[in-house]
Amino acid sequence: MPSQRDKAMRFRALHESPGIFVIPNVWDGGSASVMAGLGFEALATSSAACAATLGKLDGEITREEALAHARLIVGVSAHPVAADLENGFGDSPETAAETIRLAAADGLVGGSIEDASGDPRAPIYALGQAVERVAAAAEAAHRLPFPFTLTARAENFLRGNPDLDDTIRRLQAYQAAGADVLFAPGLPDLDAVRRVCRSLAKPVNFMVGIRGKSFSVAELEAAGVRRISLATSLWRAAMSGLLEAAREVKERGTFGYLERSVATPDLGRYLQ
């Protein structure tokens, strides 16, 4: 296994090199091994997929559960791994900073902090509080003995406030506060993606996974995106196959899905 510093340097280099790269979001050791075997150069976790492996909904997992899940991925992969750390699992800047320190201690080389509060009465933190949280997380990340890549997420478009101007103001403030990558999930079209990318000096992540709001690698690269994440889309694709197969057995009593399935030895090659 390469050292954590080596992984961190590789991850940072992916963001600084010309062009665009895709970081798939995995949910267990098997999916991590398959993605690495297919040639992806870095891996990410997904809070929703992690929660699903525990029989929970997104937003219901604890920090300890999220970090245990991340440790599993780190433990099986020689690739850099970044984690979906939700809002840092607490409202205060100090909690966000502690989450970054714990993530690094568990072998992660990157992670995201979002400005969604989890409070339905005020789903997005006020800008001042949001910036303080990113600044505290960035300070914790930058004090580490390796380049931990901090992503700051502006959640407006997922939380009922589709205001592009406010989203850009937030991303610019998070950039100034020390975030290394900026991310606004749920942007509605390529024009919005271009506006976000033009407004920022640091790399932008785009999330593929929403029908009608997901675009090709070539389109996103032309718009200025540096990194593409896949959110829960791969997990949902896997669960789609599971549902189709199980429904065939339950409703028709047949096993046609066997003819369409990958053979165990073929999957095993990714796990060696």
C-alpha atoms as a PDB file:
ATOM      1  CA  MET A   1       0.000   0.000   0.000  1.00  0.00           C
ATOM      2  CA  PRO A   2       1.270   3.507  -0.772  1.00  0.00           C
ATOM      3  CA  SER A   3       1.545   5.906   2.151  1.00  0.00           C
ATOM      4  CA  GLN A   4      -1.240   8.318   3.010  1.00  0.00           C
ATOM      5  CA  ARG A   5       0.979  11.192   1.910  1.00  0.00           C
ATOM      6  CA  ASP A   6       1.584   9.503  -1.450  1.00  0.00           C
ATOM      7  CA  LYS A   7      -2.164   9.053  -1.917  1.00  0.00           C
ATOM      8  CA  ALA A   8      -2.775  12.674  -0.950  1.00  0.00           C
ATOM      9  CA  MET A   9      -0.203  13.912  -3.443  1.00  0.00           C
ATOM     10  CA  ARG A  10      -1.737  11.778  -6.184  1.00  0.00           C
ATOM     11  CA  PHE A  11      -5.203  13.106  -5.368  1.00  0.00           C
ATOM     12  CA  ARG A  12      -4.040  16.713  -5.376  1.00  0.00           C
ATOM     13  CA  ALA A  13      -2.238  16.154  -8.678  1.00  0.00           C
ATOM     14  CA  LEU A  14      -5.469  14.947 -10.290  1.00  0.00           C
ATOM     15  CA  HIS A  15      -7.018  18.338  -9.479  1.00  0.00           C
ATOM     16  CA  GLU A  16      -4.015  20.318 -10.669  1.00  0.00           C
ATOM     17  CA  SER A  17      -3.365  18.454 -13.924  1.00  0.00           C
ATOM     18  CA  PRO A  18      -4.964  19.607 -17.171  1.00  0.00           C
ATOM     19  CA  GLY A  19      -8.287  18.046 -18.095  1.00  0.00           C
ATOM     20  CA  ILE A  20     -11.040  16.405 -16.128  1.00  0.00           C
ATOM     21  CA  PHE A  21     -11.369  13.215 -14.081  1.00  0.00           C
ATOM     22  CA  VAL A  22     -14.216  11.117 -12.716  1.00  0.00           C
ATOM     23  CA  ILE A  23     -14.273  10.008  -9.085  1.00  0.00           C
ATOM     24  CA  PRO A  24     -16.816   7.187  -8.549  1.00  0.00           C
ATOM     25  CA  ASN A  25     -18.689   6.978  -5.257  1.00  0.00           C
ATOM     26  CA  VAL A  26     -18.430   3.458  -3.846  1.00  0.00           C
ATOM     27  CA  TRP A  27     -20.256   1.762  -0.995  1.00  0.00           C
ATOM     28  CA  ASP A  28     -18.261  -1.326   0.037  1.00  0.00           C
ATOM     29  CA  GLY A  29     -14.990  -3.128  -0.501  1.00  0.00           C
ATOM     30  CA  GLY A  30     -16.239  -4.936  -3.577  1.00  0.00           C
ATOM     31  CA  SER A  31     -17.417  -1.824  -5.382  1.00  0.00           C
ATOM     32  CA  ALA A  32     -14.168  -0.066  -4.447  1.00  0.00           C
ATOM     33  CA  SER A  33     -12.123  -2.915  -5.908  1.00  0.00           C
ATOM     34  CA  VAL A  34     -14.174  -3.013  -9.117  1.00  0.00           C
ATOM     35  CA  MET A  35     -13.850   0.746  -9.667  1.00  0.00           C
ATOM     36  CA  ALA A  36     -10.104   0.600  -9.110  1.00  0.00           C
ATOM     37  CA  GLY A  37      -9.845  -2.376 -11.455  1.00  0.00           C
ATOM     38  CA  LEU A  38     -11.694  -0.470 -14.153  1.00  0.00           C
ATOM     39  CA  GLY A  39      -9.033   2.219 -14.070  1.00  0.00           C
ATOM     40  CA  PHE A  40     -10.532   5.014 -11.993  1.00  0.00           C
ATOM     41  CA  GLU A  41      -7.717   6.845 -10.206  1.00  0.00           C
ATOM     42  CA  ALA A  42      -9.471   7.896  -6.984  1.00  0.00           C
ATOM     43  CA  LEU A  43     -12.538   6.880  -5.010  1.00  0.00           C
ATOM     44  CA  ALA A  44     -15.172   8.661  -2.944  1.00  0.00           C
ATOM     45  CA  THR A  45     -17.809   7.595  -0.477  1.00  0.00           C
ATOM     46  CA  SER A  46     -21.480   8.579  -0.626  1.00  0.00           C
ATOM     47  CA  SER A  47     -23.383   9.414   2.535  1.00  0.00           C
ATOM     48  CA  ALA A  48     -26.631   8.063   1.075  1.00  0.00           C
ATOM     49  CA  ALA A  49     -25.071   4.815  -0.164  1.00  0.00           C
ATOM     50  CA  CYS A  50     -23.262   4.397   3.152  1.00  0.00           C
ATOM     51  CA  ALA A  51     -26.534   4.864   5.005  1.00  0.00           C
ATOM     52  CA  ALA A  52     -28.238   2.317   2.744  1.00  0.00           C
ATOM     53  CA  THR A  53     -25.646  -0.334   3.614  1.00  0.00           C
ATOM     54  CA  LEU A  54     -26.773   0.126   7.229  1.00  0.00           C
ATOM     55  CA  GLY A  55     -30.475   0.054   6.383  1.00  0.00           C
ATOM     56  CA  LYS A  56     -30.824   3.789   6.985  1.00  0.00           C
ATOM     57  CA  LEU A  57     -31.745   6.867   4.979  1.00  0.00           C
ATOM     58  CA  ASP A  58     -29.343   9.624   4.005  1.00  0.00           C
ATOM     59  CA  GLY A  59     -28.794  11.967   6.937  1.00  0.00           C
ATOM     60  CA  GLU A  60     -29.403   9.263   9.552  1.00  0.00           C
ATOM     61  CA  ILE A  61     -25.858   7.992  10.001  1.00  0.00           C
ATOM     62  CA  THR A  62     -23.547   9.154  12.756  1.00  0.00           C
ATOM     63  CA  ARG A  63     -20.046  10.460  12.298  1.00  0.00           C
ATOM     64  CA  GLU A  64     -18.699   7.240  13.744  1.00  0.00           C
ATOM     65  CA  GLU A  65     -20.664   5.182  11.205  1.00  0.00           C
ATOM     66  CA  ALA A  66     -19.508   7.358   8.302  1.00  0.00           C
ATOM     67  CA  LEU A  67     -15.870   7.118   9.334  1.00  0.00           C
ATOM     68  CA  ALA A  68     -16.070   3.350   9.914  1.00  0.00           C
ATOM     69  CA  HIS A  69     -17.445   3.015   6.395  1.00  0.00           C
ATOM     70  CA  ALA A  70     -14.632   5.172   5.036  1.00  0.00           C
ATOM     71  CA  ARG A  71     -12.030   3.084   6.882  1.00  0.00           C
ATOM     72  CA  LEU A  72     -13.366  -0.015   5.127  1.00  0.00           C
ATOM     73  CA  ILE A  73     -12.876   1.608   1.712  1.00  0.00           C
ATOM     74  CA  VAL A  74      -9.414   2.919   2.610  1.00  0.00           C
ATOM     75  CA  GLY A  75      -8.420  -0.479   3.949  1.00  0.00           C
ATOM     76  CA  VAL A  76      -9.032  -2.342   0.698  1.00  0.00           C
ATOM     77  CA  SER A  77      -7.770   0.211  -1.808  1.00  0.00           C
ATOM     78  CA  ALA A  78      -4.380   1.567  -2.815  1.00  0.00           C
ATOM     79  CA  HIS A  79      -6.202   4.540  -4.345  1.00  0.00           C
ATOM     80  CA  PRO A  80      -6.813   7.961  -2.786  1.00  0.00           C
ATOM     81  CA  VAL A  81     -10.183   8.038  -0.999  1.00  0.00           C
ATOM     82  CA  ALA A  82     -12.257  11.127  -0.214  1.00  0.00           C
ATOM     83  CA  ALA A  83     -15.362  11.052   1.965  1.00  0.00           C
ATOM     84  CA  ASP A  84     -18.797  12.611   1.889  1.00  0.00           C
ATOM     85  CA  LEU A  85     -18.777  14.083   5.405  1.00  0.00           C
ATOM     86  CA  GLU A  86     -22.209  15.762   5.136  1.00  0.00           C
ATOM     87  CA  ASN A  87     -22.199  18.954   7.217  1.00  0.00           C
ATOM     88  CA  GLY A  88     -19.345  17.720   9.385  1.00  0.00           C
ATOM     89  CA  PHE A  89     -21.873  16.117  11.750  1.00  0.00           C
ATOM     90  CA  GLY A  90     -22.483  19.235  13.777  1.00  0.00           C
ATOM     91  CA  ASP A  91     -23.326  22.914  13.527  1.00  0.00           C
ATOM     92  CA  SER A  92     -20.227  24.474  15.037  1.00  0.00           C
ATOM     93  CA  PRO A  93     -16.964  25.306  13.265  1.00  0.00           C
ATOM     94  CA  GLU A  94     -15.144  23.310  15.932  1.00  0.00           C
ATOM     95  CA  THR A  95     -17.127  20.177  15.075  1.00  0.00           C
ATOM     96  CA  ALA A  96     -16.410  20.577  11.362  1.00  0.00           C
ATOM     97  CA  ALA A  97     -12.697  20.911  12.121  1.00  0.00           C
ATOM     98  CA  GLU A  98     -12.706  17.852  14.379  1.00  0.00           C
ATOM     99  CA  THR A  99     -14.434  15.818  11.672  1.00  0.00           C
ATOM    100  CA  ILE A 100     -11.631  16.668   9.238  1.00  0.00           C
ATOM    101  CA  ARG A 101      -8.984  15.664  11.785  1.00  0.00           C
ATOM    102  CA  LEU A 102     -10.745  12.365  12.445  1.00  0.00           C
ATOM    103  CA  ALA A 103     -11.161  11.720   8.713  1.00  0.00           C
ATOM    104  CA  ALA A 104      -7.439  12.195   8.177  1.00  0.00           C
ATOM    105  CA  ALA A 105      -6.642   9.913  11.107  1.00  0.00           C
ATOM    106  CA  ASP A 106      -8.706   7.193   9.408  1.00  0.00           C
ATOM    107  CA  GLY A 107      -6.656   7.345   6.213  1.00  0.00           C
ATOM    108  CA  LEU A 108      -8.755   9.674   4.066  1.00  0.00           C
ATOM    109  CA  VAL A 109      -7.011  12.240   1.886  1.00  0.00           C
ATOM    110  CA  GLY A 110     -10.048  14.365   1.077  1.00  0.00           C
ATOM    111  CA  GLY A 111     -13.539  15.148   2.227  1.00  0.00           C
ATOM    112  CA  SER A 112     -16.460  17.501   1.779  1.00  0.00           C
ATOM    113  CA  ILE A 113     -18.265  19.832   4.167  1.00  0.00           C
ATOM    114  CA  GLU A 114     -21.684  21.104   3.104  1.00  0.00           C
ATOM    115  CA  ASP A 115     -23.726  24.099   4.200  1.00  0.00           C
ATOM    116  CA  ALA A 116     -26.958  22.138   4.717  1.00  0.00           C
ATOM    117  CA  SER A 117     -27.974  22.327   8.361  1.00  0.00           C
ATOM    118  CA  GLY A 118     -30.290  19.330   8.587  1.00  0.00           C
ATOM    119  CA  ASP A 119     -32.929  21.636  10.127  1.00  0.00           C
ATOM    120  CA  PRO A 120     -36.062  21.748   7.930  1.00  0.00           C
ATOM    121  CA  ARG A 121     -36.943  25.170   9.359  1.00  0.00           C
ATOM    122  CA  ALA A 122     -33.639  26.641   8.143  1.00  0.00           C
ATOM    123  CA  PRO A 123     -32.102  24.075   5.773  1.00  0.00           C
ATOM    124  CA  ILE A 124     -29.089  26.206   4.765  1.00  0.00           C
ATOM    125  CA  TYR A 125     -26.735  27.811   7.261  1.00  0.00           C
ATOM    126  CA  ALA A 126     -26.556  31.610   7.191  1.00  0.00           C
ATOM    127  CA  LEU A 127     -23.601  32.682   5.103  1.00  0.00           C
ATOM    128  CA  GLY A 128     -21.507  33.905   8.020  1.00  0.00           C
ATOM    129  CA  GLN A 129     -21.860  30.651   9.925  1.00  0.00           C
ATOM    130  CA  ALA A 130     -21.291  28.607   6.772  1.00  0.00           C
ATOM    131  CA  VAL A 131     -18.050  30.459   6.024  1.00  0.00           C
ATOM    132  CA  GLU A 132     -16.809  30.037   9.590  1.00  0.00           C
ATOM    133  CA  ARG A 133     -17.395  26.303   9.336  1.00  0.00           C
ATOM    134  CA  VAL A 134     -15.489  26.014   6.050  1.00  0.00           C
ATOM    135  CA  ALA A 135     -12.657  28.173   7.409  1.00  0.00           C
ATOM    136  CA  ALA A 136     -12.313  25.963  10.498  1.00  0.00           C
ATOM    137  CA  ALA A 137     -12.345  22.803   8.379  1.00  0.00           C
ATOM    138  CA  ALA A 138      -9.777  24.307   6.001  1.00  0.00           C
ATOM    139  CA  GLU A 139      -7.487  25.305   8.851  1.00  0.00           C
ATOM    140  CA  ALA A 140      -7.659  21.767  10.246  1.00  0.00           C
ATOM    141  CA  ALA A 141      -6.967  20.301   6.803  1.00  0.00           C
ATOM    142  CA  HIS A 142      -4.041  22.593   6.105  1.00  0.00           C
ATOM    143  CA  ARG A 143      -2.396  21.808   9.454  1.00  0.00           C
ATOM    144  CA  LEU A 144      -2.103  18.132   8.522  1.00  0.00           C
ATOM    145  CA  PRO A 145       1.288  16.754   7.453  1.00  0.00           C
ATOM    146  CA  PHE A 146      -0.036  16.027   3.960  1.00  0.00           C
ATOM    147  CA  PRO A 147      -2.270  17.926   1.503  1.00  0.00           C
ATOM    148  CA  PHE A 148      -5.805  16.947   2.545  1.00  0.00           C
ATOM    149  CA  THR A 149      -8.163  18.154  -0.214  1.00  0.00           C
ATOM    150  CA  LEU A 150     -11.165  19.927   1.302  1.00  0.00           C
ATOM    151  CA  THR A 151     -14.314  20.312  -0.797  1.00  0.00           C
ATOM    152  CA  ALA A 152     -16.916  22.903   0.223  1.00  0.00           C
ATOM    153  CA  ARG A 153     -20.478  22.280  -0.919  1.00  0.00           C
ATOM    154  CA  ALA A 154     -23.225  24.877  -1.487  1.00  0.00           C
ATOM    155  CA  GLU A 155     -26.491  22.963  -1.163  1.00  0.00           C
ATOM    156  CA  ASN A 156     -29.020  25.561  -2.338  1.00  0.00           C
ATOM    157  CA  PHE A 157     -30.268  23.636  -5.361  1.00  0.00           C
ATOM    158  CA  LEU A 158     -30.910  20.486  -3.320  1.00  0.00           C
ATOM    159  CA  ARG A 159     -32.544  22.274  -0.389  1.00  0.00           C
ATOM    160  CA  GLY A 160     -35.291  24.373  -1.950  1.00  0.00           C
ATOM    161  CA  ASN A 161     -33.360  27.557  -2.753  1.00  0.00           C
ATOM    162  CA  PRO A 162     -32.414  27.401  -6.471  1.00  0.00           C
ATOM    163  CA  ASP A 163     -30.683  30.790  -6.406  1.00  0.00           C
ATOM    164  CA  LEU A 164     -27.626  30.713  -8.651  1.00  0.00           C
ATOM    165  CA  ASP A 165     -26.343  34.141  -7.636  1.00  0.00           C
ATOM    166  CA  ASP A 166     -26.431  33.206  -3.945  1.00  0.00           C
ATOM    167  CA  THR A 167     -24.814  29.867  -4.731  1.00  0.00           C
ATOM    168  CA  ILE A 168     -21.941  31.594  -6.519  1.00  0.00           C
ATOM    169  CA  ARG A 169     -21.507  34.086  -3.663  1.00  0.00           C
ATOM    170  CA  ARG A 170     -21.299  31.185  -1.238  1.00  0.00           C
ATOM    171  CA  LEU A 171     -18.796  29.266  -3.330  1.00  0.00           C
ATOM    172  CA  GLN A 172     -16.625  32.363  -3.708  1.00  0.00           C
ATOM    173  CA  ALA A 173     -16.728  32.877   0.063  1.00  0.00           C
ATOM    174  CA  TYR A 174     -15.815  29.225   0.688  1.00  0.00           C
ATOM    175  CA  GLN A 175     -12.938  29.565  -1.769  1.00  0.00           C
ATOM    176  CA  ALA A 176     -11.671  32.607   0.124  1.00  0.00           C
ATOM    177  CA  ALA A 177     -12.054  30.673   3.397  1.00  0.00           C
ATOM    178  CA  GLY A 178      -9.590  28.036   2.216  1.00  0.00           C
ATOM    179  CA  ALA A 179     -11.550  25.286   0.446  1.00  0.00           C
ATOM    180  CA  ASP A 180      -9.543  23.455  -2.208  1.00  0.00           C
ATOM    181  CA  VAL A 181     -12.503  22.335  -4.380  1.00  0.00           C
ATOM    182  CA  LEU A 182     -15.950  23.902  -4.809  1.00  0.00           C
ATOM    183  CA  PHE A 183     -19.177  22.013  -5.395  1.00  0.00           C
ATOM    184  CA  ALA A 184     -22.821  22.983  -5.936  1.00  0.00           C
ATOM    185  CA  PRO A 185     -24.867  19.808  -6.455  1.00  0.00           C
ATOM    186  CA  GLY A 186     -28.032  20.017  -8.520  1.00  0.00           C
ATOM    187  CA  LEU A 187     -27.098  22.795 -10.942  1.00  0.00           C
ATOM    188  CA  PRO A 188     -29.893  22.882 -13.534  1.00  0.00           C
ATOM    189  CA  ASP A 189     -28.071  23.240 -16.849  1.00  0.00           C
ATOM    190  CA  LEU A 190     -24.724  23.727 -18.548  1.00  0.00           C
ATOM    191  CA  ASP A 191     -25.092  27.519 -18.558  1.00  0.00           C
ATOM    192  CA  ALA A 192     -25.238  27.442 -14.766  1.00  0.00           C
ATOM    193  CA  VAL A 193     -22.233  25.129 -14.674  1.00  0.00           C
ATOM    194  CA  ARG A 194     -20.275  27.521 -16.901  1.00  0.00           C
ATOM    195  CA  ARG A 195     -21.190  30.504 -14.715  1.00  0.00           C
ATOM    196  CA  VAL A 196     -20.038  28.701 -11.584  1.00  0.00           C
ATOM    197  CA  CYS A 197     -16.753  27.623 -13.143  1.00  0.00           C
ATOM    198  CA  ARG A 198     -16.029  31.102 -14.536  1.00  0.00           C
ATOM    199  CA  SER A 199     -16.642  32.668 -11.134  1.00  0.00           C
ATOM    200  CA  LEU A 200     -14.064  30.551  -9.297  1.00  0.00           C
ATOM    201  CA  ALA A 201     -10.294  30.166  -9.420  1.00  0.00           C
ATOM    202  CA  LYS A 202     -10.169  26.716  -7.814  1.00  0.00           C
ATOM    203  CA  PRO A 203     -11.339  23.344  -9.187  1.00  0.00           C
ATOM    204  CA  VAL A 204     -15.079  22.715  -9.455  1.00  0.00           C
ATOM    205  CA  ASN A 205     -16.725  19.353  -8.851  1.00  0.00           C
ATOM    206  CA  PHE A 206     -19.921  18.448 -10.702  1.00  0.00           C
ATOM    207  CA  MET A 207     -22.273  15.734  -9.478  1.00  0.00           C
ATOM    208  CA  VAL A 208     -23.720  13.343 -12.049  1.00  0.00           C
ATOM    209  CA  GLY A 209     -26.771  11.487 -10.806  1.00  0.00           C
ATOM    210  CA  ILE A 210     -29.907  13.588 -11.357  1.00  0.00           C
ATOM    211  CA  ARG A 211     -32.064  12.828 -14.385  1.00  0.00           C
ATOM    212  CA  GLY A 212     -32.131  15.755 -16.769  1.00  0.00           C
ATOM    213  CA  LYS A 213     -29.345  17.493 -14.847  1.00  0.00           C
ATOM    214  CA  SER A 214     -26.422  15.214 -15.732  1.00  0.00           C
ATOM    215  CA  PHE A 215     -24.172  15.880 -18.696  1.00  0.00           C
ATOM    216  CA  SER A 216     -21.388  14.108 -20.570  1.00  0.00           C
ATOM    217  CA  VAL A 217     -17.745  14.242 -19.588  1.00  0.00           C
ATOM    218  CA  ALA A 218     -16.956  16.221 -22.744  1.00  0.00           C
ATOM    219  CA  GLU A 219     -19.703  18.779 -22.063  1.00  0.00           C
ATOM    220  CA  LEU A 220     -18.626  19.252 -18.464  1.00  0.00           C
ATOM    221  CA  GLU A 221     -14.972  19.596 -19.394  1.00  0.00           C
ATOM    222  CA  ALA A 222     -15.873  22.260 -21.963  1.00  0.00           C
ATOM    223  CA  ALA A 223     -17.851  24.083 -19.256  1.00  0.00           C
ATOM    224  CA  GLY A 224     -14.775  24.228 -17.011  1.00  0.00           C
ATOM    225  CA  VAL A 225     -15.406  21.374 -14.583  1.00  0.00           C
ATOM    226  CA  ARG A 226     -12.303  19.658 -13.203  1.00  0.00           C
ATOM    227  CA  ARG A 227     -13.845  16.714 -11.280  1.00  0.00           C
ATOM    228  CA  ILE A 228     -17.019  14.660 -11.761  1.00  0.00           C
ATOM    229  CA  SER A 229     -18.510  12.673  -8.883  1.00  0.00           C
ATOM    230  CA  LEU A 230     -21.272  10.107  -9.326  1.00  0.00           C
ATOM    231  CA  ALA A 231     -23.163  10.426  -6.010  1.00  0.00           C
ATOM    232  CA  THR A 232     -25.470   7.440  -5.461  1.00  0.00           C
ATOM    233  CA  SER A 233     -25.903   6.707  -9.169  1.00  0.00           C
ATOM    234  CA  LEU A 234     -23.703   3.600  -9.266  1.00  0.00           C
ATOM    235  CA  TRP A 235     -25.288   2.226  -6.091  1.00  0.00           C
ATOM    236  CA  ARG A 236     -28.750   2.882  -7.561  1.00  0.00           C
ATOM    237  CA  ALA A 237     -27.716   1.137 -10.774  1.00  0.00           C
ATOM    238  CA  ALA A 238     -26.606  -1.889  -8.759  1.00  0.00           C
ATOM    239  CA  MET A 239     -29.840  -1.871  -6.756  1.00  0.00           C
ATOM    240  CA  SER A 240     -31.827  -1.614 -10.003  1.00  0.00           C
ATOM    241  CA  GLY A 241     -30.299  -4.926 -11.081  1.00  0.00           C
ATOM    242  CA  LEU A 242     -31.062  -6.432  -7.683  1.00  0.00           C
ATOM    243  CA  LEU A 243     -34.702  -5.331  -7.801  1.00  0.00           C
ATOM    244  CA  GLU A 244     -35.148  -6.598 -11.356  1.00  0.00           C
ATOM    245  CA  ALA A 245     -33.718 -10.015 -10.499  1.00  0.00           C
ATOM    246  CA  ALA A 246     -35.585 -10.412  -7.232  1.00  0.00           C
ATOM    247  CA  ARG A 247     -38.899  -9.362  -8.786  1.00  0.00           C
ATOM    248  CA  GLU A 248     -38.437 -11.899 -11.573  1.00  0.00           C
ATOM    249  CA  VAL A 249     -37.989 -14.667  -8.989  1.00  0.00           C
ATOM    250  CA  LYS A 250     -40.853 -13.508  -6.778  1.00  0.00           C
ATOM    251  CA  GLU A 251     -43.389 -12.634  -9.480  1.00  0.00           C
ATOM    252  CA  ARG A 252     -42.596 -15.091 -12.289  1.00  0.00           C
ATOM    253  CA  GLY A 253     -40.673 -17.890 -10.620  1.00  0.00           C
ATOM    254  CA  THR A 254     -37.952 -17.767 -13.266  1.00  0.00           C
ATOM    255  CA  PHE A 255     -34.226 -17.079 -13.123  1.00  0.00           C
ATOM    256  CA  GLY A 256     -33.472 -15.381 -16.436  1.00  0.00           C
ATOM    257  CA  TYR A 257     -31.323 -12.832 -14.651  1.00  0.00           C
ATOM    258  CA  LEU A 258     -28.647 -15.519 -14.346  1.00  0.00           C
ATOM    259  CA  GLU A 259     -28.026 -15.307 -18.084  1.00  0.00           C
ATOM    260  CA  ARG A 260     -27.380 -11.563 -17.813  1.00  0.00           C
ATOM    261  CA  SER A 261     -25.232 -11.642 -14.675  1.00  0.00           C
ATOM    262  CA  VAL A 262     -21.460 -11.310 -14.481  1.00  0.00           C
ATOM    263  CA  ALA A 263     -19.862 -14.650 -13.617  1.00  0.00           C
ATOM    264  CA  THR A 264     -18.311 -15.019 -10.169  1.00  0.00           C
ATOM    265  CA  PRO A 265     -14.772 -15.651 -11.546  1.00  0.00           C
ATOM    266  CA  ASP A 266     -15.009 -12.478 -13.626  1.00  0.00           C
ATOM    267  CA  LEU A 267     -15.914 -10.447 -10.559  1.00  0.00           C
ATOM    268  CA  GLY A 268     -13.280 -12.224  -8.546  1.00  0.00           C
ATOM    269  CA  ARG A 269     -10.542 -10.856 -10.762  1.00  0.00           C
ATOM    270  CA  TYR A 270     -11.234  -7.397  -9.347  1.00  0.00           C
ATOM    271  CA  LEU A 271     -10.949  -8.645  -5.772  1.00  0.00           C
ATOM    272  CA  GLN A 272      -7.513 -10.221  -6.018  1.00  0.00           C
END
